[in-house]
């Protein structure tokens, strides 16, 4: 569990979960981790931005970690 903070001071507790994609290999399909997603307390999954520190929970609702997590 991690704490993320928004610009207006709101803090939420979230978890990081792996983002898996299927990849073709000679042996068939294989699941590989290609990044991280953020799991909110409400059970909603949102994508982590490319910088590895920020994510949006809604339109114009940016949350940020204090350090790079991905």
PDB file of N, CA and C in Angstrom:
ATOM      1  N   UNK A   1       0.838  -1.187   0.000  1.00  0.00           N
ATOM      2  CA  UNK A   1       0.000   0.000   0.000  1.00  0.00           C
ATOM      3  C   UNK A   1       0.879   1.246   0.000  1.00  0.00           C
ATOM      4  N   UNK A   2       0.457   2.236  -0.757  1.00  0.00           N
ATOM      5  CA  UNK A   2       1.179   3.495  -0.891  1.00  0.00           C
ATOM      6  C   UNK A   2       0.210   4.648  -0.673  1.00  0.00           C
ATOM      7  N   UNK A   3       0.759   5.808  -0.334  1.00  0.00           N
ATOM      8  CA  UNK A   3      -0.052   7.006  -0.165  1.00  0.00           C
ATOM      9  C   UNK A   3       0.247   7.956  -1.317  1.00  0.00           C
ATOM     10  N   UNK A   4      -0.799   8.399  -1.999  1.00  0.00           N
ATOM     11  CA  UNK A   4      -0.667   9.360  -3.095  1.00  0.00           C
ATOM     12  C   UNK A   4      -1.338  10.661  -2.683  1.00  0.00           C
ATOM     13  N   UNK A   5      -0.782  11.770  -3.145  1.00  0.00           N
ATOM     14  CA  UNK A   5      -1.262  13.087  -2.739  1.00  0.00           C
ATOM     15  C   UNK A   5      -1.618  13.923  -3.964  1.00  0.00           C
ATOM     16  N   UNK A   6      -2.708  14.686  -3.860  1.00  0.00           N
ATOM     17  CA  UNK A   6      -3.088  15.580  -4.959  1.00  0.00           C
ATOM     18  C   UNK A   6      -2.616  16.994  -4.641  1.00  0.00           C
ATOM     19  N   UNK A   7      -2.749  17.896  -5.610  1.00  0.00           N
ATOM     20  CA  UNK A   7      -2.269  19.264  -5.424  1.00  0.00           C
ATOM     21  C   UNK A   7      -3.071  20.026  -4.371  1.00  0.00           C
ATOM     22  N   UNK A   8      -4.321  19.628  -4.128  1.00  0.00           N
ATOM     23  CA  UNK A   8      -5.115  20.316  -3.108  1.00  0.00           C
ATOM     24  C   UNK A   8      -4.939  19.707  -1.718  1.00  0.00           C
ATOM     25  N   UNK A   9      -4.037  18.727  -1.581  1.00  0.00           N
ATOM     26  CA  UNK A   9      -3.722  18.162  -0.275  1.00  0.00           C
ATOM     27  C   UNK A   9      -4.443  16.871   0.056  1.00  0.00           C
ATOM     28  N   UNK A  10      -5.342  16.414  -0.792  1.00  0.00           N
ATOM     29  CA  UNK A  10      -6.058  15.164  -0.557  1.00  0.00           C
ATOM     30  C   UNK A  10      -5.095  13.987  -0.651  1.00  0.00           C
ATOM     31  N   UNK A  11      -5.169  13.088   0.316  1.00  0.00           N
ATOM     32  CA  UNK A  11      -4.330  11.888   0.296  1.00  0.00           C
ATOM     33  C   UNK A  11      -5.214  10.655   0.184  1.00  0.00           C
ATOM     34  N   UNK A  12      -4.790   9.695  -0.644  1.00  0.00           N
ATOM     35  CA  UNK A  12      -5.512   8.436  -0.777  1.00  0.00           C
ATOM     36  C   UNK A  12      -4.525   7.285  -0.642  1.00  0.00           C
ATOM     37  N   UNK A  13      -5.031   6.154  -0.194  1.00  0.00           N
ATOM     38  CA  UNK A  13      -4.213   4.948  -0.063  1.00  0.00           C
ATOM     39  C   UNK A  13      -4.502   4.061  -1.265  1.00  0.00           C
ATOM     40  N   UNK A  14      -3.438   3.652  -1.960  1.00  0.00           N
ATOM     41  CA  UNK A  14      -3.579   2.851  -3.175  1.00  0.00           C
ATOM     42  C   UNK A  14      -2.598   1.686  -3.131  1.00  0.00           C
ATOM     43  N   UNK A  15      -2.783   0.746  -4.041  1.00  0.00           N
ATOM     44  CA  UNK A  15      -1.866  -0.387  -4.209  1.00  0.00           C
ATOM     45  C   UNK A  15      -1.407  -0.428  -5.654  1.00  0.00           C
ATOM     46  N   UNK A  16      -0.219  -0.986  -5.880  1.00  0.00           N
ATOM     47  CA  UNK A  16       0.285  -1.169  -7.238  1.00  0.00           C
ATOM     48  C   UNK A  16       0.055  -2.605  -7.659  1.00  0.00           C
ATOM     49  N   UNK A  17      -0.430  -2.795  -8.875  1.00  0.00           N
ATOM     50  CA  UNK A  17      -0.629  -4.136  -9.416  1.00  0.00           C
ATOM     51  C   UNK A  17       0.053  -4.203 -10.778  1.00  0.00           C
ATOM     52  N   UNK A  18       0.497  -5.371 -11.196  1.00  0.00           N
ATOM     53  CA  UNK A  18       1.181  -5.478 -12.492  1.00  0.00           C
ATOM     54  C   UNK A  18       0.208  -5.344 -13.659  1.00  0.00           C
ATOM     55  N   UNK A  19       0.707  -4.771 -14.743  1.00  0.00           N
ATOM     56  CA  UNK A  19      -0.042  -4.682 -15.996  1.00  0.00           C
ATOM     57  C   UNK A  19       0.548  -5.721 -16.930  1.00  0.00           C
ATOM     58  N   UNK A  20      -0.211  -6.782 -17.194  1.00  0.00           N
ATOM     59  CA  UNK A  20       0.276  -7.895 -18.008  1.00  0.00           C
ATOM     60  C   UNK A  20      -0.328  -7.855 -19.401  1.00  0.00           C
ATOM     61  N   UNK A  21       0.472  -8.219 -20.369  1.00  0.00           N
ATOM     62  CA  UNK A  21       0.028  -8.359 -21.758  1.00  0.00           C
ATOM     63  C   UNK A  21       0.447  -9.740 -22.246  1.00  0.00           C
ATOM     64  N   UNK A  22      -0.262 -10.226 -23.253  1.00  0.00           N
ATOM     65  CA  UNK A  22       0.085 -11.519 -23.839  1.00  0.00           C
ATOM     66  C   UNK A  22       1.084 -11.309 -24.974  1.00  0.00           C
ATOM     67  N   UNK A  23       2.135 -12.141 -24.997  1.00  0.00           N
ATOM     68  CA  UNK A  23       3.160 -12.041 -26.027  1.00  0.00           C
ATOM     69  C   UNK A  23       3.274 -13.379 -26.744  1.00  0.00           C
ATOM     70  N   UNK A  24       3.402 -13.310 -28.066  1.00  0.00           N
ATOM     71  CA  UNK A  24       3.594 -14.516 -28.862  1.00  0.00           C
ATOM     72  C   UNK A  24       5.034 -14.991 -28.756  1.00  0.00           C
ATOM     73  N   UNK A  25       5.219 -16.278 -28.511  1.00  0.00           N
ATOM     74  CA  UNK A  25       6.543 -16.890 -28.541  1.00  0.00           C
ATOM     75  C   UNK A  25       6.444 -18.140 -29.415  1.00  0.00           C
ATOM     76  N   UNK A  26       7.572 -18.783 -29.636  1.00  0.00           N
ATOM     77  CA  UNK A  26       7.536 -20.026 -30.420  1.00  0.00           C
ATOM     78  C   UNK A  26       6.751 -21.116 -29.704  1.00  0.00           C
ATOM     79  N   UNK A  27       6.708 -21.033 -28.383  1.00  0.00           N
ATOM     80  CA  UNK A  27       6.002 -22.035 -27.586  1.00  0.00           C
ATOM     81  C   UNK A  27       4.529 -21.688 -27.374  1.00  0.00           C
ATOM     82  N   UNK A  28       4.073 -20.571 -27.916  1.00  0.00           N
ATOM     83  CA  UNK A  28       2.683 -20.162 -27.733  1.00  0.00           C
ATOM     84  C   UNK A  28       2.607 -18.809 -27.043  1.00  0.00           C
ATOM     85  N   UNK A  29       1.466 -18.511 -26.470  1.00  0.00           N
ATOM     86  CA  UNK A  29       1.275 -17.234 -25.795  1.00  0.00           C
ATOM     87  C   UNK A  29       1.858 -17.272 -24.390  1.00  0.00           C
ATOM     88  N   UNK A  30       2.434 -16.150 -23.987  1.00  0.00           N
ATOM     89  CA  UNK A  30       3.038 -16.038 -22.666  1.00  0.00           C
ATOM     90  C   UNK A  30       2.656 -14.678 -22.084  1.00  0.00           C
ATOM     91  N   UNK A  31       2.308 -14.633 -20.802  1.00  0.00           N
ATOM     92  CA  UNK A  31       1.946 -13.384 -20.146  1.00  0.00           C
ATOM     93  C   UNK A  31       3.207 -12.713 -19.610  1.00  0.00           C
ATOM     94  N   UNK A  32       3.410 -11.438 -19.984  1.00  0.00           N
ATOM     95  CA  UNK A  32       4.573 -10.707 -19.482  1.00  0.00           C
ATOM     96  C   UNK A  32       4.109  -9.397 -18.848  1.00  0.00           C
ATOM     97  N   UNK A  33       4.873  -8.923 -17.864  1.00  0.00           N
ATOM     98  CA  UNK A  33       4.564  -7.659 -17.206  1.00  0.00           C
ATOM     99  C   UNK A  33       5.166  -6.512 -18.009  1.00  0.00           C
ATOM    100  N   UNK A  34       4.318  -5.560 -18.395  1.00  0.00           N
ATOM    101  CA  UNK A  34       4.787  -4.439 -19.207  1.00  0.00           C
ATOM    102  C   UNK A  34       4.713  -3.106 -18.464  1.00  0.00           C
ATOM    103  N   UNK A  35       4.216  -3.114 -17.243  1.00  0.00           N
ATOM    104  CA  UNK A  35       4.115  -1.877 -16.476  1.00  0.00           C
ATOM    105  C   UNK A  35       3.335  -2.104 -15.207  1.00  0.00           C
ATOM    106  N   UNK A  36       2.885  -1.014 -14.617  1.00  0.00           N
ATOM    107  CA  UNK A  36       2.115  -1.074 -13.375  1.00  0.00           C
ATOM    108  C   UNK A  36       0.804  -0.330 -13.549  1.00  0.00           C
ATOM    109  N   UNK A  37      -0.181  -0.747 -12.783  1.00  0.00           N
ATOM    110  CA  UNK A  37      -1.454  -0.042 -12.680  1.00  0.00           C
ATOM    111  C   UNK A  37      -1.667   0.285 -11.210  1.00  0.00           C
ATOM    112  N   UNK A  38      -2.560   1.224 -10.952  1.00  0.00           N
ATOM    113  CA  UNK A  38      -2.874   1.646  -9.593  1.00  0.00           C
ATOM    114  C   UNK A  38      -4.260   1.118  -9.239  1.00  0.00           C
ATOM    115  N   UNK A  39      -4.352   0.434  -8.102  1.00  0.00           N
ATOM    116  CA  UNK A  39      -5.628  -0.081  -7.609  1.00  0.00           C
ATOM    117  C   UNK A  39      -6.098   0.829  -6.482  1.00  0.00           C
ATOM    118  N   UNK A  40      -7.228   1.510  -6.690  1.00  0.00           N
ATOM    119  CA  UNK A  40      -7.782   2.404  -5.677  1.00  0.00           C
ATOM    120  C   UNK A  40      -8.521   1.591  -4.624  1.00  0.00           C
ATOM    121  N   UNK A  41      -8.781   2.206  -3.471  1.00  0.00           N
ATOM    122  CA  UNK A  41      -9.496   1.512  -2.397  1.00  0.00           C
ATOM    123  C   UNK A  41     -10.887   1.079  -2.834  1.00  0.00           C
ATOM    124  N   UNK A  42     -11.479   1.794  -3.771  1.00  0.00           N
ATOM    125  CA  UNK A  42     -12.825   1.465  -4.243  1.00  0.00           C
ATOM    126  C   UNK A  42     -12.835   0.261  -5.174  1.00  0.00           C
ATOM    127  N   UNK A  43     -11.634  -0.239  -5.554  1.00  0.00           N
ATOM    128  CA  UNK A  43     -11.548  -1.384  -6.438  1.00  0.00           C
ATOM    129  C   UNK A  43     -11.347  -1.016  -7.896  1.00  0.00           C
ATOM    130  N   UNK A  44     -11.328   0.269  -8.195  1.00  0.00           N
ATOM    131  CA  UNK A  44     -11.132   0.736  -9.573  1.00  0.00           C
ATOM    132  C   UNK A  44      -9.643   0.713  -9.907  1.00  0.00           C
ATOM    133  N   UNK A  45      -9.320   0.224 -11.109  1.00  0.00           N
ATOM    134  CA  UNK A  45      -7.934   0.210 -11.580  1.00  0.00           C
ATOM    135  C   UNK A  45      -7.729   1.356 -12.558  1.00  0.00           C
ATOM    136  N   UNK A  46      -6.649   2.124 -12.362  1.00  0.00           N
ATOM    137  CA  UNK A  46      -6.304   3.216 -13.282  1.00  0.00           C
ATOM    138  C   UNK A  46      -4.857   3.044 -13.713  1.00  0.00           C
ATOM    139  N   UNK A  47      -4.536   3.605 -14.877  1.00  0.00           N
ATOM    140  CA  UNK A  47      -3.182   3.487 -15.414  1.00  0.00           C
ATOM    141  C   UNK A  47      -2.240   4.476 -14.749  1.00  0.00           C
ATOM    142  N   UNK A  48      -1.021   4.031 -14.522  1.00  0.00           N
ATOM    143  CA  UNK A  48       0.047   4.896 -14.045  1.00  0.00           C
ATOM    144  C   UNK A  48       0.602   5.638 -15.256  1.00  0.00           C
ATOM    145  N   UNK A  49       0.865   6.931 -15.121  1.00  0.00           N
ATOM    146  CA  UNK A  49       1.404   7.708 -16.240  1.00  0.00           C
ATOM    147  C   UNK A  49       2.827   7.269 -16.556  1.00  0.00           C
ATOM    148  N   UNK A  50       3.333   7.672 -17.709  1.00  0.00           N
ATOM    149  CA  UNK A  50       4.649   7.230 -18.171  1.00  0.00           C
ATOM    150  C   UNK A  50       5.790   7.667 -17.261  1.00  0.00           C
ATOM    151  N   UNK A  51       5.603   8.744 -16.493  1.00  0.00           N
ATOM    152  CA  UNK A  51       6.673   9.191 -15.597  1.00  0.00           C
ATOM    153  C   UNK A  51       6.856   8.265 -14.396  1.00  0.00           C
ATOM    154  N   UNK A  52       5.921   7.349 -14.165  1.00  0.00           N
ATOM    155  CA  UNK A  52       6.038   6.400 -13.063  1.00  0.00           C
ATOM    156  C   UNK A  52       5.716   6.978 -11.702  1.00  0.00           C
ATOM    157  N   UNK A  53       5.212   8.205 -11.642  1.00  0.00           N
ATOM    158  CA  UNK A  53       4.914   8.859 -10.366  1.00  0.00           C
ATOM    159  C   UNK A  53       3.489   9.357 -10.234  1.00  0.00           C
ATOM    160  N   UNK A  54       2.802   9.582 -11.349  1.00  0.00           N
ATOM    161  CA  UNK A  54       1.497  10.236 -11.297  1.00  0.00           C
ATOM    162  C   UNK A  54       0.418   9.386 -11.963  1.00  0.00           C
ATOM    163  N   UNK A  55      -0.832   9.661 -11.584  1.00  0.00           N
ATOM    164  CA  UNK A  55      -1.980   9.006 -12.202  1.00  0.00           C
ATOM    165  C   UNK A  55      -3.210   9.875 -11.994  1.00  0.00           C
ATOM    166  N   UNK A  56      -4.192   9.693 -12.854  1.00  0.00           N
ATOM    167  CA  UNK A  56      -5.457  10.421 -12.769  1.00  0.00           C
ATOM    168  C   UNK A  56      -6.541   9.480 -12.266  1.00  0.00           C
ATOM    169  N   UNK A  57      -7.339   9.957 -11.294  1.00  0.00           N
ATOM    170  CA  UNK A  57      -8.488   9.183 -10.831  1.00  0.00           C
ATOM    171  C   UNK A  57      -9.759   9.621 -11.543  1.00  0.00           C
ATOM    172  N   UNK A  58      -9.781  10.849 -12.038  1.00  0.00           N
ATOM    173  CA  UNK A  58     -10.907  11.398 -12.796  1.00  0.00           C
ATOM    174  C   UNK A  58     -10.361  12.550 -13.633  1.00  0.00           C
ATOM    175  N   UNK A  59     -11.226  13.167 -14.409  1.00  0.00           N
ATOM    176  CA  UNK A  59     -10.811  14.298 -15.228  1.00  0.00           C
ATOM    177  C   UNK A  59     -10.258  15.415 -14.335  1.00  0.00           C
ATOM    178  N   UNK A  60      -9.051  15.869 -14.619  1.00  0.00           N
ATOM    179  CA  UNK A  60      -8.375  16.932 -13.859  1.00  0.00           C
ATOM    180  C   UNK A  60      -8.145  16.575 -12.393  1.00  0.00           C
ATOM    181  N   UNK A  61      -8.060  15.300 -12.054  1.00  0.00           N
ATOM    182  CA  UNK A  61      -7.814  14.875 -10.679  1.00  0.00           C
ATOM    183  C   UNK A  61      -6.508  14.080 -10.652  1.00  0.00           C
ATOM    184  N   UNK A  62      -5.388  14.816 -10.601  1.00  0.00           N
ATOM    185  CA  UNK A  62      -4.055  14.228 -10.657  1.00  0.00           C
ATOM    186  C   UNK A  62      -3.554  13.919  -9.251  1.00  0.00           C
ATOM    187  N   UNK A  63      -3.070  12.694  -9.065  1.00  0.00           N
ATOM    188  CA  UNK A  63      -2.431  12.305  -7.814  1.00  0.00           C
ATOM    189  C   UNK A  63      -0.986  11.956  -8.097  1.00  0.00           C
ATOM    190  N   UNK A  64      -0.124  12.156  -7.087  1.00  0.00           N
ATOM    191  CA  UNK A  64       1.308  11.981  -7.281  1.00  0.00           C
ATOM    192  C   UNK A  64       1.907  11.218  -6.100  1.00  0.00           C
ATOM    193  N   UNK A  65       2.858  10.319  -6.404  1.00  0.00           N
ATOM    194  CA  UNK A  65       3.657   9.674  -5.371  1.00  0.00           C
ATOM    195  C   UNK A  65       4.879  10.544  -5.107  1.00  0.00           C
ATOM    196  N   UNK A  66       5.477  10.407  -3.926  1.00  0.00           N
ATOM    197  CA  UNK A  66       6.665  11.194  -3.597  1.00  0.00           C
ATOM    198  C   UNK A  66       7.902  10.705  -4.327  1.00  0.00           C
ATOM    199  N   UNK A  67       7.860   9.502  -4.867  1.00  0.00           N
ATOM    200  CA  UNK A  67       9.019   8.938  -5.556  1.00  0.00           C
ATOM    201  C   UNK A  67       8.526   8.073  -6.708  1.00  0.00           C
ATOM    202  N   UNK A  68       9.420   7.754  -7.619  1.00  0.00           N
ATOM    203  CA  UNK A  68       9.073   6.934  -8.782  1.00  0.00           C
ATOM    204  C   UNK A  68       8.819   5.502  -8.322  1.00  0.00           C
ATOM    205  N   UNK A  69       7.695   4.935  -8.714  1.00  0.00           N
ATOM    206  CA  UNK A  69       7.333   3.594  -8.248  1.00  0.00           C
ATOM    207  C   UNK A  69       7.414   2.542  -9.339  1.00  0.00           C
ATOM    208  N   UNK A  70       7.532   2.950 -10.586  1.00  0.00           N
ATOM    209  CA  UNK A  70       7.591   1.962 -11.676  1.00  0.00           C
ATOM    210  C   UNK A  70       8.827   2.159 -12.517  1.00  0.00           C
TER     211      UNK A  70
END
